Full PDB file with SEQRES, HELIX, SHEET, SSBOND, CRYST1, ORIGX, SCALE, CONECT and MASTER records, all heavy atoms in Angstrom:
SEQRES   1 A   31  GLY ALA VAL THR ASN PRO ASN GLN GLN GLY SER LEU GLY          
SEQRES   2 A   31  GLN LEU GLY SER ILE ILE SER THR VAL ASP ARG LEU SER          
SEQRES   3 A   31  ASN SER THR GLY ALA                                          
HELIX    1 AA1 LEU A   12  THR A   29  1                                  18    
CRYST1    1.000    1.000    1.000  90.00  90.00  90.00 P 1           1          
ORIGX1      1.000000  0.000000  0.000000        0.00000                         
ORIGX2      0.000000  1.000000  0.000000        0.00000                         
ORIGX3      0.000000  0.000000  1.000000        0.00000                         
SCALE1      1.000000  0.000000  0.000000        0.00000                         
SCALE2      0.000000  1.000000  0.000000        0.00000                         
SCALE3      0.000000  0.000000  1.000000        0.00000                         
ATOM      1  N   GLY A   1      -5.653  16.243   6.369  1.00  0.00           N  
ATOM      2  CA  GLY A   1      -5.903  17.296   7.345  1.00  0.00           C  
ATOM      3  C   GLY A   1      -6.204  16.728   8.722  1.00  0.00           C  
ATOM      4  O   GLY A   1      -5.741  17.244   9.747  1.00  0.00           O  
ATOM      5  N   ALA A   2      -6.984  15.649   8.765  1.00  0.00           N  
ATOM      6  CA  ALA A   2      -7.332  15.016  10.045  1.00  0.00           C  
ATOM      7  C   ALA A   2      -6.104  14.405  10.714  1.00  0.00           C  
ATOM      8  O   ALA A   2      -5.958  14.463  11.936  1.00  0.00           O  
ATOM      9  CB  ALA A   2      -8.408  13.952   9.829  1.00  0.00           C  
ATOM     10  N   VAL A   3      -5.215  13.843   9.912  1.00  0.00           N  
ATOM     11  CA  VAL A   3      -4.001  13.224  10.450  1.00  0.00           C  
ATOM     12  C   VAL A   3      -3.083  14.280  11.058  1.00  0.00           C  
ATOM     13  O   VAL A   3      -2.464  14.054  12.097  1.00  0.00           O  
ATOM     14  CB  VAL A   3      -3.273  12.415   9.348  1.00  0.00           C  
ATOM     15  CG1 VAL A   3      -1.874  12.029   9.771  1.00  0.00           C  
ATOM     16  CG2 VAL A   3      -4.083  11.184   8.990  1.00  0.00           C  
ATOM     17  N   THR A   4      -3.015  15.444  10.437  1.00  0.00           N  
ATOM     18  CA  THR A   4      -2.102  16.485  10.917  1.00  0.00           C  
ATOM     19  C   THR A   4      -2.737  17.406  11.952  1.00  0.00           C  
ATOM     20  O   THR A   4      -2.039  18.222  12.543  1.00  0.00           O  
ATOM     21  CB  THR A   4      -1.574  17.330   9.741  1.00  0.00           C  
ATOM     22  OG1 THR A   4      -2.675  17.948   9.069  1.00  0.00           O  
ATOM     23  CG2 THR A   4      -0.784  16.468   8.762  1.00  0.00           C  
ATOM     24  N   ASN A   5      -4.037  17.269  12.194  1.00  0.00           N  
ATOM     25  CA  ASN A   5      -4.736  18.141  13.136  1.00  0.00           C  
ATOM     26  C   ASN A   5      -4.894  17.418  14.473  1.00  0.00           C  
ATOM     27  O   ASN A   5      -5.629  16.438  14.562  1.00  0.00           O  
ATOM     28  CB  ASN A   5      -6.103  18.519  12.567  1.00  0.00           C  
ATOM     29  CG  ASN A   5      -6.845  19.509  13.443  1.00  0.00           C  
ATOM     30  OD1 ASN A   5      -6.561  19.663  14.621  1.00  0.00           O  
ATOM     31  ND2 ASN A   5      -7.828  20.171  12.855  1.00  0.00           N  
ATOM     32  N   PRO A   6      -4.240  17.893  15.525  1.00  0.00           N  
ATOM     33  CA  PRO A   6      -4.341  17.206  16.815  1.00  0.00           C  
ATOM     34  C   PRO A   6      -5.757  17.227  17.403  1.00  0.00           C  
ATOM     35  O   PRO A   6      -6.048  16.473  18.326  1.00  0.00           O  
ATOM     36  CB  PRO A   6      -3.355  17.965  17.707  1.00  0.00           C  
ATOM     37  CG  PRO A   6      -3.170  19.278  17.049  1.00  0.00           C  
ATOM     38  CD  PRO A   6      -3.396  19.074  15.583  1.00  0.00           C  
ATOM     39  N   ASN A   7      -6.623  18.074  16.887  1.00  0.00           N  
ATOM     40  CA  ASN A   7      -7.995  18.134  17.377  1.00  0.00           C  
ATOM     41  C   ASN A   7      -8.906  17.095  16.724  1.00  0.00           C  
ATOM     42  O   ASN A   7     -10.078  17.007  17.064  1.00  0.00           O  
ATOM     43  CB  ASN A   7      -8.582  19.532  17.154  1.00  0.00           C  
ATOM     44  CG  ASN A   7      -7.838  20.580  17.954  1.00  0.00           C  
ATOM     45  OD1 ASN A   7      -7.470  20.346  19.104  1.00  0.00           O  
ATOM     46  ND2 ASN A   7      -7.588  21.715  17.350  1.00  0.00           N  
ATOM     47  N   GLN A   8      -8.370  16.337  15.751  1.00  0.00           N  
ATOM     48  CA  GLN A   8      -9.151  15.300  15.094  1.00  0.00           C  
ATOM     49  C   GLN A   8      -8.546  13.938  15.413  1.00  0.00           C  
ATOM     50  O   GLN A   8      -7.367  13.822  15.758  1.00  0.00           O  
ATOM     51  CB  GLN A   8      -9.202  15.544  13.584  1.00  0.00           C  
ATOM     52  CG  GLN A   8     -10.045  16.773  13.237  1.00  0.00           C  
ATOM     53  CD  GLN A   8     -10.131  17.008  11.745  1.00  0.00           C  
ATOM     54  OE1 GLN A   8      -9.118  17.189  11.089  1.00  0.00           O  
ATOM     55  NE2 GLN A   8     -11.352  17.010  11.229  1.00  0.00           N  
ATOM     56  N   GLN A   9      -9.354  12.892  15.266  1.00  0.00           N  
ATOM     57  CA  GLN A   9      -8.934  11.556  15.680  1.00  0.00           C  
ATOM     58  C   GLN A   9      -7.937  10.896  14.739  1.00  0.00           C  
ATOM     59  O   GLN A   9      -7.272   9.945  15.120  1.00  0.00           O  
ATOM     60  CB  GLN A   9     -10.157  10.647  15.836  1.00  0.00           C  
ATOM     61  CG  GLN A   9     -11.002  11.016  17.013  1.00  0.00           C  
ATOM     62  CD  GLN A   9     -12.121  10.020  17.246  1.00  0.00           C  
ATOM     63  OE1 GLN A   9     -12.170   8.959  16.654  1.00  0.00           O  
ATOM     64  NE2 GLN A   9     -13.029  10.381  18.137  1.00  0.00           N  
ATOM     65  N   GLY A  10      -7.845  11.339  13.510  1.00  0.00           N  
ATOM     66  CA  GLY A  10      -6.977  10.699  12.531  1.00  0.00           C  
ATOM     67  C   GLY A  10      -5.525  10.700  12.962  1.00  0.00           C  
ATOM     68  O   GLY A  10      -5.035  11.656  13.551  1.00  0.00           O  
ATOM     69  N   SER A  11      -4.835   9.600  12.655  1.00  0.00           N  
ATOM     70  CA  SER A  11      -3.414   9.510  12.966  1.00  0.00           C  
ATOM     71  C   SER A  11      -2.748   8.604  11.939  1.00  0.00           C  
ATOM     72  O   SER A  11      -3.414   7.818  11.261  1.00  0.00           O  
ATOM     73  CB  SER A  11      -3.197   8.934  14.373  1.00  0.00           C  
ATOM     74  OG  SER A  11      -3.565   7.567  14.392  1.00  0.00           O  
ATOM     75  N   LEU A  12      -1.431   8.707  11.855  1.00  0.00           N  
ATOM     76  CA  LEU A  12      -0.693   7.817  10.961  1.00  0.00           C  
ATOM     77  C   LEU A  12      -0.867   6.365  11.392  1.00  0.00           C  
ATOM     78  O   LEU A  12      -0.979   5.472  10.558  1.00  0.00           O  
ATOM     79  CB  LEU A  12       0.788   8.197  10.947  1.00  0.00           C  
ATOM     80  CG  LEU A  12       1.131   9.541  10.311  1.00  0.00           C  
ATOM     81  CD1 LEU A  12       2.622   9.829  10.450  1.00  0.00           C  
ATOM     82  CD2 LEU A  12       0.713   9.569   8.861  1.00  0.00           C  
ATOM     83  N   GLY A  13      -0.923   6.130  12.691  1.00  0.00           N  
ATOM     84  CA  GLY A  13      -1.129   4.777  13.194  1.00  0.00           C  
ATOM     85  C   GLY A  13      -2.472   4.212  12.765  1.00  0.00           C  
ATOM     86  O   GLY A  13      -2.572   3.038  12.384  1.00  0.00           O  
ATOM     87  N   GLN A  14      -3.503   5.034  12.819  1.00  0.00           N  
ATOM     88  CA  GLN A  14      -4.830   4.594  12.400  1.00  0.00           C  
ATOM     89  C   GLN A  14      -4.826   4.240  10.920  1.00  0.00           C  
ATOM     90  O   GLN A  14      -5.317   3.181  10.529  1.00  0.00           O  
ATOM     91  CB  GLN A  14      -5.868   5.689  12.676  1.00  0.00           C  
ATOM     92  CG  GLN A  14      -7.272   5.320  12.216  1.00  0.00           C  
ATOM     93  CD  GLN A  14      -8.237   6.490  12.299  1.00  0.00           C  
ATOM     94  OE1 GLN A  14      -7.841   7.650  12.295  1.00  0.00           O  
ATOM     95  NE2 GLN A  14      -9.522   6.178  12.355  1.00  0.00           N  
ATOM     96  N   LEU A  15      -4.262   5.109  10.096  1.00  0.00           N  
ATOM     97  CA  LEU A  15      -4.211   4.827   8.659  1.00  0.00           C  
ATOM     98  C   LEU A  15      -3.365   3.589   8.371  1.00  0.00           C  
ATOM     99  O   LEU A  15      -3.722   2.764   7.534  1.00  0.00           O  
ATOM    100  CB  LEU A  15      -3.679   6.027   7.884  1.00  0.00           C  
ATOM    101  CG  LEU A  15      -4.606   7.235   7.805  1.00  0.00           C  
ATOM    102  CD1 LEU A  15      -3.925   8.366   7.041  1.00  0.00           C  
ATOM    103  CD2 LEU A  15      -5.934   6.884   7.188  1.00  0.00           C  
ATOM    104  N   GLY A  16      -2.253   3.451   9.064  1.00  0.00           N  
ATOM    105  CA  GLY A  16      -1.406   2.269   8.879  1.00  0.00           C  
ATOM    106  C   GLY A  16      -2.147   0.991   9.251  1.00  0.00           C  
ATOM    107  O   GLY A  16      -2.038  -0.025   8.561  1.00  0.00           O  
ATOM    108  N   SER A  17      -2.912   1.050  10.326  1.00  0.00           N  
ATOM    109  CA  SER A  17      -3.692  -0.103  10.761  1.00  0.00           C  
ATOM    110  C   SER A  17      -4.760  -0.467   9.731  1.00  0.00           C  
ATOM    111  O   SER A  17      -4.982  -1.638   9.431  1.00  0.00           O  
ATOM    112  CB  SER A  17      -4.333   0.203  12.115  1.00  0.00           C  
ATOM    113  OG  SER A  17      -5.127  -0.869  12.548  1.00  0.00           O  
ATOM    114  N   ILE A  18      -5.402   0.538   9.163  1.00  0.00           N  
ATOM    115  CA  ILE A  18      -6.418   0.310   8.132  1.00  0.00           C  
ATOM    116  C   ILE A  18      -5.780  -0.329   6.903  1.00  0.00           C  
ATOM    117  O   ILE A  18      -6.279  -1.330   6.374  1.00  0.00           O  
ATOM    118  CB  ILE A  18      -7.132   1.627   7.768  1.00  0.00           C  
ATOM    119  CG1 ILE A  18      -8.017   2.099   8.928  1.00  0.00           C  
ATOM    120  CG2 ILE A  18      -7.959   1.472   6.487  1.00  0.00           C  
ATOM    121  CD1 ILE A  18      -8.539   3.514   8.773  1.00  0.00           C  
ATOM    122  N   ILE A  19      -4.668   0.224   6.467  1.00  0.00           N  
ATOM    123  CA  ILE A  19      -3.984  -0.295   5.273  1.00  0.00           C  
ATOM    124  C   ILE A  19      -3.508  -1.723   5.513  1.00  0.00           C  
ATOM    125  O   ILE A  19      -3.653  -2.593   4.651  1.00  0.00           O  
ATOM    126  CB  ILE A  19      -2.842   0.656   4.860  1.00  0.00           C  
ATOM    127  CG1 ILE A  19      -3.440   1.976   4.348  1.00  0.00           C  
ATOM    128  CG2 ILE A  19      -1.956   0.013   3.795  1.00  0.00           C  
ATOM    129  CD1 ILE A  19      -2.446   3.117   4.242  1.00  0.00           C  
ATOM    130  N   SER A  20      -2.965  -1.999   6.707  1.00  0.00           N  
ATOM    131  CA  SER A  20      -2.523  -3.362   7.038  1.00  0.00           C  
ATOM    132  C   SER A  20      -3.691  -4.333   7.038  1.00  0.00           C  
ATOM    133  O   SER A  20      -3.559  -5.471   6.573  1.00  0.00           O  
ATOM    134  CB  SER A  20      -1.847  -3.384   8.408  1.00  0.00           C  
ATOM    135  OG  SER A  20      -0.648  -2.665   8.367  1.00  0.00           O  
ATOM    136  N   THR A  21      -4.826  -3.911   7.560  1.00  0.00           N  
ATOM    137  CA  THR A  21      -6.014  -4.767   7.582  1.00  0.00           C  
ATOM    138  C   THR A  21      -6.462  -5.095   6.167  1.00  0.00           C  
ATOM    139  O   THR A  21      -6.795  -6.246   5.860  1.00  0.00           O  
ATOM    140  CB  THR A  21      -7.149  -4.090   8.375  1.00  0.00           C  
ATOM    141  OG1 THR A  21      -6.701  -3.855   9.709  1.00  0.00           O  
ATOM    142  CG2 THR A  21      -8.405  -4.949   8.389  1.00  0.00           C  
ATOM    143  N   VAL A  22      -6.449  -4.093   5.288  1.00  0.00           N  
ATOM    144  CA  VAL A  22      -6.842  -4.326   3.899  1.00  0.00           C  
ATOM    145  C   VAL A  22      -5.850  -5.270   3.221  1.00  0.00           C  
ATOM    146  O   VAL A  22      -6.253  -6.176   2.481  1.00  0.00           O  
ATOM    147  CB  VAL A  22      -6.972  -2.992   3.128  1.00  0.00           C  
ATOM    148  CG1 VAL A  22      -7.197  -3.227   1.648  1.00  0.00           C  
ATOM    149  CG2 VAL A  22      -8.114  -2.165   3.708  1.00  0.00           C  
ATOM    150  N   ASP A  23      -4.570  -5.106   3.507  1.00  0.00           N  
ATOM    151  CA  ASP A  23      -3.558  -6.017   2.945  1.00  0.00           C  
ATOM    152  C   ASP A  23      -3.785  -7.456   3.423  1.00  0.00           C  
ATOM    153  O   ASP A  23      -3.720  -8.395   2.633  1.00  0.00           O  
ATOM    154  CB  ASP A  23      -2.143  -5.565   3.327  1.00  0.00           C  
ATOM    155  CG  ASP A  23      -1.687  -4.330   2.578  1.00  0.00           C  
ATOM    156  OD1 ASP A  23      -2.318  -3.971   1.558  1.00  0.00           O  
ATOM    157  OD2 ASP A  23      -0.699  -3.710   3.023  1.00  0.00           O  
ATOM    158  N   ARG A  24      -4.055  -7.618   4.724  1.00  0.00           N  
ATOM    159  CA  ARG A  24      -4.315  -8.959   5.268  1.00  0.00           C  
ATOM    160  C   ARG A  24      -5.575  -9.551   4.634  1.00  0.00           C  
ATOM    161  O   ARG A  24      -5.618 -10.739   4.321  1.00  0.00           O  
ATOM    162  CB  ARG A  24      -4.471  -8.913   6.785  1.00  0.00           C  
ATOM    163  CG  ARG A  24      -3.163  -8.857   7.542  1.00  0.00           C  
ATOM    164  CD  ARG A  24      -3.334  -9.129   9.021  1.00  0.00           C  
ATOM    165  NE  ARG A  24      -4.358  -8.347   9.689  1.00  0.00           N  
ATOM    166  CZ  ARG A  24      -4.199  -7.112  10.149  1.00  0.00           C  
ATOM    167  NH1 ARG A  24      -3.026  -6.512  10.019  1.00  0.00           N  
ATOM    168  NH2 ARG A  24      -5.175  -6.488  10.762  1.00  0.00           N  
ATOM    169  N   LEU A  25      -6.565  -8.732   4.448  1.00  0.00           N  
ATOM    170  CA  LEU A  25      -7.815  -9.182   3.827  1.00  0.00           C  
ATOM    171  C   LEU A  25      -7.555  -9.636   2.398  1.00  0.00           C  
ATOM    172  O   LEU A  25      -8.052 -10.673   1.964  1.00  0.00           O  
ATOM    173  CB  LEU A  25      -8.847  -8.061   3.866  1.00  0.00           C  
ATOM    174  CG  LEU A  25     -10.267  -8.379   3.462  1.00  0.00           C  
ATOM    175  CD1 LEU A  25     -10.834  -9.524   4.270  1.00  0.00           C  
ATOM    176  CD2 LEU A  25     -11.136  -7.142   3.639  1.00  0.00           C  
ATOM    177  N   SER A  26      -6.748  -8.889   1.691  1.00  0.00           N  
ATOM    178  CA  SER A  26      -6.381  -9.252   0.321  1.00  0.00           C  
ATOM    179  C   SER A  26      -5.657 -10.599   0.312  1.00  0.00           C  
ATOM    180  O   SER A  26      -5.974 -11.483  -0.480  1.00  0.00           O  
ATOM    181  CB  SER A  26      -5.495  -8.163  -0.293  1.00  0.00           C  
ATOM    182  OG  SER A  26      -5.146  -8.479  -1.608  1.00  0.00           O  
ATOM    183  N   ASN A  27      -4.710 -10.768   1.221  1.00  0.00           N  
ATOM    184  CA  ASN A  27      -3.954 -12.027   1.299  1.00  0.00           C  
ATOM    185  C   ASN A  27      -4.841 -13.203   1.696  1.00  0.00           C  
ATOM    186  O   ASN A  27      -4.719 -14.292   1.135  1.00  0.00           O  
ATOM    187  CB  ASN A  27      -2.796 -11.895   2.293  1.00  0.00           C  
ATOM    188  CG  ASN A  27      -1.711 -10.970   1.792  1.00  0.00           C  
ATOM    189  OD1 ASN A  27      -1.551 -10.764   0.601  1.00  0.00           O  
ATOM    190  ND2 ASN A  27      -0.973 -10.388   2.725  1.00  0.00           N  
ATOM    191  N   SER A  28      -5.730 -12.985   2.652  1.00  0.00           N  
ATOM    192  CA  SER A  28      -6.570 -14.094   3.139  1.00  0.00           C  
ATOM    193  C   SER A  28      -7.610 -14.536   2.116  1.00  0.00           C  
ATOM    194  O   SER A  28      -8.026 -15.693   2.118  1.00  0.00           O  
ATOM    195  CB  SER A  28      -7.242 -13.727   4.461  1.00  0.00           C  
ATOM    196  OG  SER A  28      -8.258 -12.767   4.255  1.00  0.00           O  
ATOM    197  N   THR A  29      -8.028 -13.628   1.245  1.00  0.00           N  
ATOM    198  CA  THR A  29      -9.027 -13.982   0.234  1.00  0.00           C  
ATOM    199  C   THR A  29      -8.376 -14.433  -1.064  1.00  0.00           C  
ATOM    200  O   THR A  29      -9.054 -14.978  -1.936  1.00  0.00           O  
ATOM    201  CB  THR A  29      -9.951 -12.797  -0.085  1.00  0.00           C  
ATOM    202  OG1 THR A  29      -9.166 -11.714  -0.594  1.00  0.00           O  
ATOM    203  CG2 THR A  29     -10.744 -12.366   1.136  1.00  0.00           C  
ATOM    204  N   GLY A  30      -7.082 -14.169  -1.197  1.00  0.00           N  
ATOM    205  CA  GLY A  30      -6.400 -14.494  -2.445  1.00  0.00           C  
ATOM    206  C   GLY A  30      -6.665 -13.480  -3.539  1.00  0.00           C  
ATOM    207  O   GLY A  30      -6.290 -13.689  -4.690  1.00  0.00           O  
ATOM    208  N   ALA A  31      -7.307 -12.381  -3.180  1.00  0.00           N  
ATOM    209  CA  ALA A  31      -7.612 -11.330  -4.159  1.00  0.00           C  
ATOM    210  C   ALA A  31      -6.404 -10.408  -4.296  1.00  0.00           C  
ATOM    211  O   ALA A  31      -5.763 -10.068  -3.305  1.00  0.00           O  
ATOM    212  CB  ALA A  31      -8.827 -10.528  -3.715  1.00  0.00           C  
TER     213      ALA A  31                                                      
MASTER        0    0    0    1    0    0    0    6  212    1    0    3          
END                                                                             
């Protein structure tokens, strides 16, 4: 709902950035 609502801060870019960060964290820790 936040991603699709222009009145809220959520965006596909924000979620993509979060997911990419978690992926990098997984790779850097070997987990």
